[in-house]
Amino acid sequence: MTVERAILLTVGGLIIISVLLAVYVNINWLWLTGILGAHLVQASFTGLCPVVMMFKRLGLPSKPGFT
């Protein structure tokens, strides 16, 4: 598992969970989905993502691009 794939798995999982919580618990969980989307846009411009830093500290290798 690389840092890039771990990010996709983490954010994708959080989005699915927040949508399911919005459907079955409370519509306000969609705020989490919006925050995740806004963070992805912000990270694409600044390159700053705390989750990436955490995965790098855990020792996950980084591989540019998709294959």
PDB file of N, CA and C in Angstrom:
ATOM      1  N   MET A   1       0.856  -1.177   0.000  1.00  0.00           N
ATOM      2  CA  MET A   1       0.000   0.000   0.000  1.00  0.00           C
ATOM      3  C   MET A   1       0.895   1.231   0.000  1.00  0.00           C
ATOM      4  N   THR A   2       0.599   2.149  -0.891  1.00  0.00           N
ATOM      5  CA  THR A   2       1.344   3.403  -0.960  1.00  0.00           C
ATOM      6  C   THR A   2       0.532   4.518  -0.304  1.00  0.00           C
ATOM      7  N   VAL A   3       1.186   5.642  -0.077  1.00  0.00           N
ATOM      8  CA  VAL A   3       0.516   6.799   0.524  1.00  0.00           C
ATOM      9  C   VAL A   3      -0.671   7.224  -0.331  1.00  0.00           C
ATOM     10  N   GLU A   4      -0.483   7.255  -1.636  1.00  0.00           N
ATOM     11  CA  GLU A   4      -1.547   7.711  -2.533  1.00  0.00           C
ATOM     12  C   GLU A   4      -2.775   6.801  -2.460  1.00  0.00           C
ATOM     13  N   ARG A   5      -2.553   5.504  -2.451  1.00  0.00           N
ATOM     14  CA  ARG A   5      -3.683   4.571  -2.371  1.00  0.00           C
ATOM     15  C   ARG A   5      -4.332   4.605  -0.992  1.00  0.00           C
ATOM     16  N   ALA A   6      -3.546   4.808   0.049  1.00  0.00           N
ATOM     17  CA  ALA A   6      -4.091   4.899   1.402  1.00  0.00           C
ATOM     18  C   ALA A   6      -4.984   6.124   1.539  1.00  0.00           C
ATOM     19  N   ILE A   7      -4.591   7.228   0.905  1.00  0.00           N
ATOM     20  CA  ILE A   7      -5.429   8.441   0.933  1.00  0.00           C
ATOM     21  C   ILE A   7      -6.750   8.186   0.230  1.00  0.00           C
ATOM     22  N   LEU A   8      -6.704   7.564  -0.948  1.00  0.00           N
ATOM     23  CA  LEU A   8      -7.938   7.260  -1.674  1.00  0.00           C
ATOM     24  C   LEU A   8      -8.853   6.360  -0.846  1.00  0.00           C
ATOM     25  N   LEU A   9      -8.286   5.363  -0.202  1.00  0.00           N
ATOM     26  CA  LEU A   9      -9.066   4.450   0.632  1.00  0.00           C
ATOM     27  C   LEU A   9      -9.668   5.179   1.825  1.00  0.00           C
ATOM     28  N   THR A  10      -8.881   6.001   2.491  1.00  0.00           N
ATOM     29  CA  THR A  10      -9.345   6.719   3.682  1.00  0.00           C
ATOM     30  C   THR A  10     -10.459   7.703   3.348  1.00  0.00           C
ATOM     31  N   VAL A  11     -10.228   8.558   2.364  1.00  0.00           N
ATOM     32  CA  VAL A  11     -11.229   9.575   2.024  1.00  0.00           C
ATOM     33  C   VAL A  11     -12.475   8.929   1.423  1.00  0.00           C
ATOM     34  N   GLY A  12     -12.286   7.944   0.558  1.00  0.00           N
ATOM     35  CA  GLY A  12     -13.437   7.245  -0.013  1.00  0.00           C
ATOM     36  C   GLY A  12     -14.281   6.575   1.053  1.00  0.00           C
ATOM     37  N   GLY A  13     -13.624   5.928   2.006  1.00  0.00           N
ATOM     38  CA  GLY A  13     -14.351   5.289   3.103  1.00  0.00           C
ATOM     39  C   GLY A  13     -15.097   6.283   3.964  1.00  0.00           C
ATOM     40  N   LEU A  14     -14.456   7.405   4.269  1.00  0.00           N
ATOM     41  CA  LEU A  14     -15.117   8.435   5.079  1.00  0.00           C
ATOM     42  C   LEU A  14     -16.324   9.029   4.354  1.00  0.00           C
ATOM     43  N   ILE A  15     -16.229   9.203   3.050  1.00  0.00           N
ATOM     44  CA  ILE A  15     -17.360   9.742   2.290  1.00  0.00           C
ATOM     45  C   ILE A  15     -18.521   8.759   2.292  1.00  0.00           C
ATOM     46  N   ILE A  16     -18.235   7.482   2.072  1.00  0.00           N
ATOM     47  CA  ILE A  16     -19.302   6.474   2.106  1.00  0.00           C
ATOM     48  C   ILE A  16     -19.955   6.427   3.481  1.00  0.00           C
ATOM     49  N   ILE A  17     -19.148   6.443   4.530  1.00  0.00           N
ATOM     50  CA  ILE A  17     -19.682   6.407   5.894  1.00  0.00           C
ATOM     51  C   ILE A  17     -20.545   7.627   6.173  1.00  0.00           C
ATOM     52  N   SER A  18     -20.080   8.821   5.761  1.00  0.00           N
ATOM     53  CA  SER A  18     -20.858  10.032   6.046  1.00  0.00           C
ATOM     54  C   SER A  18     -22.173  10.054   5.280  1.00  0.00           C
ATOM     55  N   VAL A  19     -22.180   9.538   4.056  1.00  0.00           N
ATOM     56  CA  VAL A  19     -23.436   9.485   3.294  1.00  0.00           C
ATOM     57  C   VAL A  19     -24.401   8.485   3.936  1.00  0.00           C
ATOM     58  N   LEU A  20     -23.896   7.331   4.347  1.00  0.00           N
ATOM     59  CA  LEU A  20     -24.760   6.358   5.020  1.00  0.00           C
ATOM     60  C   LEU A  20     -25.304   6.920   6.330  1.00  0.00           C
ATOM     61  N   LEU A  21     -24.469   7.625   7.086  1.00  0.00           N
ATOM     62  CA  LEU A  21     -24.952   8.256   8.316  1.00  0.00           C
ATOM     63  C   LEU A  21     -26.004   9.317   8.013  1.00  0.00           C
ATOM     64  N   ALA A  22     -25.835  10.041   6.923  1.00  0.00           N
ATOM     65  CA  ALA A  22     -26.823  11.062   6.552  1.00  0.00           C
ATOM     66  C   ALA A  22     -28.158  10.419   6.184  1.00  0.00           C
ATOM     67  N   VAL A  23     -28.108   9.266   5.522  1.00  0.00           N
ATOM     68  CA  VAL A  23     -29.343   8.598   5.117  1.00  0.00           C
ATOM     69  C   VAL A  23     -30.054   7.963   6.313  1.00  0.00           C
ATOM     70  N   TYR A  24     -29.293   7.311   7.181  1.00  0.00           N
ATOM     71  CA  TYR A  24     -29.908   6.515   8.234  1.00  0.00           C
ATOM     72  C   TYR A  24     -29.957   7.178   9.612  1.00  0.00           C
ATOM     73  N   VAL A  25     -29.153   8.230   9.841  1.00  0.00           N
ATOM     74  CA  VAL A  25     -29.118   8.836  11.170  1.00  0.00           C
ATOM     75  C   VAL A  25     -29.612  10.280  11.131  1.00  0.00           C
ATOM     76  N   ASN A  26     -28.853  11.152  10.440  1.00  0.00           N
ATOM     77  CA  ASN A  26     -29.204  12.574  10.427  1.00  0.00           C
ATOM     78  C   ASN A  26     -28.580  13.210   9.194  1.00  0.00           C
ATOM     79  N   ILE A  27     -29.353  14.019   8.510  1.00  0.00           N
ATOM     80  CA  ILE A  27     -28.906  14.667   7.265  1.00  0.00           C
ATOM     81  C   ILE A  27     -27.685  15.561   7.478  1.00  0.00           C
ATOM     82  N   ASN A  28     -27.465  16.014   8.707  1.00  0.00           N
ATOM     83  CA  ASN A  28     -26.333  16.898   8.995  1.00  0.00           C
ATOM     84  C   ASN A  28     -24.986  16.227   8.796  1.00  0.00           C
ATOM     85  N   TRP A  29     -24.944  14.899   8.685  1.00  0.00           N
ATOM     86  CA  TRP A  29     -23.683  14.202   8.408  1.00  0.00           C
ATOM     87  C   TRP A  29     -23.136  14.561   7.031  1.00  0.00           C
ATOM     88  N   LEU A  30     -23.976  15.127   6.167  1.00  0.00           N
ATOM     89  CA  LEU A  30     -23.485  15.548   4.851  1.00  0.00           C
ATOM     90  C   LEU A  30     -22.477  16.686   4.964  1.00  0.00           C
ATOM     91  N   TRP A  31     -22.472  17.383   6.099  1.00  0.00           N
ATOM     92  CA  TRP A  31     -21.443  18.404   6.312  1.00  0.00           C
ATOM     93  C   TRP A  31     -20.053  17.774   6.272  1.00  0.00           C
ATOM     94  N   LEU A  32     -19.922  16.576   6.807  1.00  0.00           N
ATOM     95  CA  LEU A  32     -18.630  15.890   6.762  1.00  0.00           C
ATOM     96  C   LEU A  32     -18.211  15.612   5.325  1.00  0.00           C
ATOM     97  N   THR A  33     -19.154  15.205   4.491  1.00  0.00           N
ATOM     98  CA  THR A  33     -18.856  14.981   3.078  1.00  0.00           C
ATOM     99  C   THR A  33     -18.378  16.274   2.427  1.00  0.00           C
ATOM    100  N   GLY A  34     -19.043  17.379   2.716  1.00  0.00           N
ATOM    101  CA  GLY A  34     -18.640  18.674   2.161  1.00  0.00           C
ATOM    102  C   GLY A  34     -17.272  19.110   2.642  1.00  0.00           C
ATOM    103  N   ILE A  35     -16.989  18.889   3.911  1.00  0.00           N
ATOM    104  CA  ILE A  35     -15.683  19.253   4.465  1.00  0.00           C
ATOM    105  C   ILE A  35     -14.582  18.426   3.811  1.00  0.00           C
ATOM    106  N   LEU A  36     -14.829  17.136   3.614  1.00  0.00           N
ATOM    107  CA  LEU A  36     -13.838  16.280   2.955  1.00  0.00           C
ATOM    108  C   LEU A  36     -13.577  16.756   1.524  1.00  0.00           C
ATOM    109  N   GLY A  37     -14.634  17.114   0.812  1.00  0.00           N
ATOM    110  CA  GLY A  37     -14.469  17.625  -0.550  1.00  0.00           C
ATOM    111  C   GLY A  37     -13.687  18.929  -0.580  1.00  0.00           C
ATOM    112  N   ALA A  38     -14.015  19.825   0.340  1.00  0.00           N
ATOM    113  CA  ALA A  38     -13.292  21.099   0.415  1.00  0.00           C
ATOM    114  C   ALA A  38     -11.823  20.876   0.746  1.00  0.00           C
ATOM    115  N   HIS A  39     -11.545  19.924   1.630  1.00  0.00           N
ATOM    116  CA  HIS A  39     -10.153  19.634   1.981  1.00  0.00           C
ATOM    117  C   HIS A  39      -9.392  19.061   0.785  1.00  0.00           C
ATOM    118  N   LEU A  40     -10.037  18.213   0.000  1.00  0.00           N
ATOM    119  CA  LEU A  40      -9.377  17.667  -1.192  1.00  0.00           C
ATOM    120  C   LEU A  40      -9.024  18.778  -2.182  1.00  0.00           C
ATOM    121  N   VAL A  41      -9.926  19.733  -2.357  1.00  0.00           N
ATOM    122  CA  VAL A  41      -9.647  20.869  -3.245  1.00  0.00           C
ATOM    123  C   VAL A  41      -8.497  21.695  -2.685  1.00  0.00           C
ATOM    124  N   GLN A  42      -8.536  21.995  -1.386  1.00  0.00           N
ATOM    125  CA  GLN A  42      -7.473  22.765  -0.743  1.00  0.00           C
ATOM    126  C   GLN A  42      -6.138  22.050  -0.864  1.00  0.00           C
ATOM    127  N   ALA A  43      -6.117  20.742  -0.623  1.00  0.00           N
ATOM    128  CA  ALA A  43      -4.873  19.981  -0.674  1.00  0.00           C
ATOM    129  C   ALA A  43      -4.306  19.932  -2.091  1.00  0.00           C
ATOM    130  N   SER A  44      -5.179  19.953  -3.100  1.00  0.00           N
ATOM    131  CA  SER A  44      -4.686  19.923  -4.477  1.00  0.00           C
ATOM    132  C   SER A  44      -3.952  21.212  -4.836  1.00  0.00           C
ATOM    133  N   PHE A  45      -4.340  22.329  -4.214  1.00  0.00           N
ATOM    134  CA  PHE A  45      -3.674  23.595  -4.492  1.00  0.00           C
ATOM    135  C   PHE A  45      -2.438  23.814  -3.626  1.00  0.00           C
ATOM    136  N   THR A  46      -2.510  23.424  -2.349  1.00  0.00           N
ATOM    137  CA  THR A  46      -1.414  23.730  -1.432  1.00  0.00           C
ATOM    138  C   THR A  46      -0.443  22.578  -1.233  1.00  0.00           C
ATOM    139  N   GLY A  47      -0.896  21.351  -1.477  1.00  0.00           N
ATOM    140  CA  GLY A  47      -0.051  20.186  -1.235  1.00  0.00           C
ATOM    141  C   GLY A  47       0.047  19.836   0.238  1.00  0.00           C
ATOM    142  N   LEU A  48      -0.742  20.482   1.085  1.00  0.00           N
ATOM    143  CA  LEU A  48      -0.700  20.254   2.529  1.00  0.00           C
ATOM    144  C   LEU A  48      -1.864  19.358   2.944  1.00  0.00           C
ATOM    145  N   CYS A  49      -1.524  18.177   3.472  1.00  0.00           N
ATOM    146  CA  CYS A  49      -2.546  17.245   3.937  1.00  0.00           C
ATOM    147  C   CYS A  49      -2.018  16.519   5.167  1.00  0.00           C
ATOM    148  N   PRO A  50      -2.641  16.728   6.325  1.00  0.00           N
ATOM    149  CA  PRO A  50      -2.165  16.081   7.550  1.00  0.00           C
ATOM    150  C   PRO A  50      -2.204  14.553   7.477  1.00  0.00           C
ATOM    151  N   VAL A  51      -3.166  14.002   6.747  1.00  0.00           N
ATOM    152  CA  VAL A  51      -3.267  12.549   6.648  1.00  0.00           C
ATOM    153  C   VAL A  51      -2.079  11.980   5.866  1.00  0.00           C
ATOM    154  N   VAL A  52      -1.630  12.695   4.840  1.00  0.00           N
ATOM    155  CA  VAL A  52      -0.452  12.260   4.086  1.00  0.00           C
ATOM    156  C   VAL A  52       0.766  12.253   5.003  1.00  0.00           C
ATOM    157  N   MET A  53       0.912  13.291   5.807  1.00  0.00           N
ATOM    158  CA  MET A  53       2.036  13.344   6.743  1.00  0.00           C
ATOM    159  C   MET A  53       1.989  12.172   7.719  1.00  0.00           C
ATOM    160  N   MET A  54       0.781  11.818   8.179  1.00  0.00           N
ATOM    161  CA  MET A  54       0.642  10.700   9.102  1.00  0.00           C
ATOM    162  C   MET A  54       1.043   9.381   8.433  1.00  0.00           C
ATOM    163  N   PHE A  55       0.568   9.167   7.202  1.00  0.00           N
ATOM    164  CA  PHE A  55       0.913   7.928   6.499  1.00  0.00           C
ATOM    165  C   PHE A  55       2.407   7.834   6.213  1.00  0.00           C
ATOM    166  N   LYS A  56       3.038   8.969   5.923  1.00  0.00           N
ATOM    167  CA  LYS A  56       4.485   8.957   5.698  1.00  0.00           C
ATOM    168  C   LYS A  56       5.233   8.621   6.975  1.00  0.00           C
ATOM    169  N   ARG A  57       4.753   9.138   8.113  1.00  0.00           N
ATOM    170  CA  ARG A  57       5.382   8.808   9.398  1.00  0.00           C
ATOM    171  C   ARG A  57       5.217   7.335   9.744  1.00  0.00           C
ATOM    172  N   LEU A  58       4.122   6.736   9.260  1.00  0.00           N
ATOM    173  CA  LEU A  58       3.900   5.315   9.484  1.00  0.00           C
ATOM    174  C   LEU A  58       4.791   4.453   8.588  1.00  0.00           C
ATOM    175  N   GLY A  59       5.467   5.099   7.643  1.00  0.00           N
ATOM    176  CA  GLY A  59       6.417   4.381   6.802  1.00  0.00           C
ATOM    177  C   GLY A  59       5.875   3.887   5.476  1.00  0.00           C
ATOM    178  N   LEU A  60       4.705   4.362   5.077  1.00  0.00           N
ATOM    179  CA  LEU A  60       4.183   3.947   3.771  1.00  0.00           C
ATOM    180  C   LEU A  60       5.012   4.597   2.657  1.00  0.00           C
ATOM    181  N   PRO A  61       5.332   3.822   1.635  1.00  0.00           N
ATOM    182  CA  PRO A  61       6.103   4.397   0.526  1.00  0.00           C
ATOM    183  C   PRO A  61       5.226   5.276  -0.352  1.00  0.00           C
ATOM    184  N   SER A  62       5.839   6.198  -1.051  1.00  0.00           N
ATOM    185  CA  SER A  62       5.130   7.085  -1.964  1.00  0.00           C
ATOM    186  C   SER A  62       5.472   6.708  -3.391  1.00  0.00           C
ATOM    187  N   LYS A  63       4.465   6.678  -4.244  1.00  0.00           N
ATOM    188  CA  LYS A  63       4.673   6.339  -5.654  1.00  0.00           C
ATOM    189  C   LYS A  63       3.887   7.334  -6.496  1.00  0.00           C
ATOM    190  N   PRO A  64       4.549   8.140  -7.303  1.00  0.00           N
ATOM    191  CA  PRO A  64       3.836   9.161  -8.066  1.00  0.00           C
ATOM    192  C   PRO A  64       2.943   8.558  -9.149  1.00  0.00           C
ATOM    193  N   GLY A  65       1.771   9.159  -9.315  1.00  0.00           N
ATOM    194  CA  GLY A  65       0.874   8.764 -10.397  1.00  0.00           C
ATOM    195  C   GLY A  65       0.173   7.449 -10.155  1.00  0.00           C
ATOM    196  N   PHE A  66      -0.653   7.088 -11.107  1.00  0.00           N
ATOM    197  CA  PHE A  66      -1.378   5.829 -11.059  1.00  0.00           C
ATOM    198  C   PHE A  66      -0.887   4.918 -12.153  1.00  0.00           C
ATOM    199  N   THR A  67      -0.863   3.622 -11.854  1.00  0.00           N
ATOM    200  CA  THR A  67      -0.448   2.650 -12.854  1.00  0.00           C
ATOM    201  C   THR A  67      -1.534   1.639 -13.093  1.00  0.00           C
TER     202      THR A  67
END
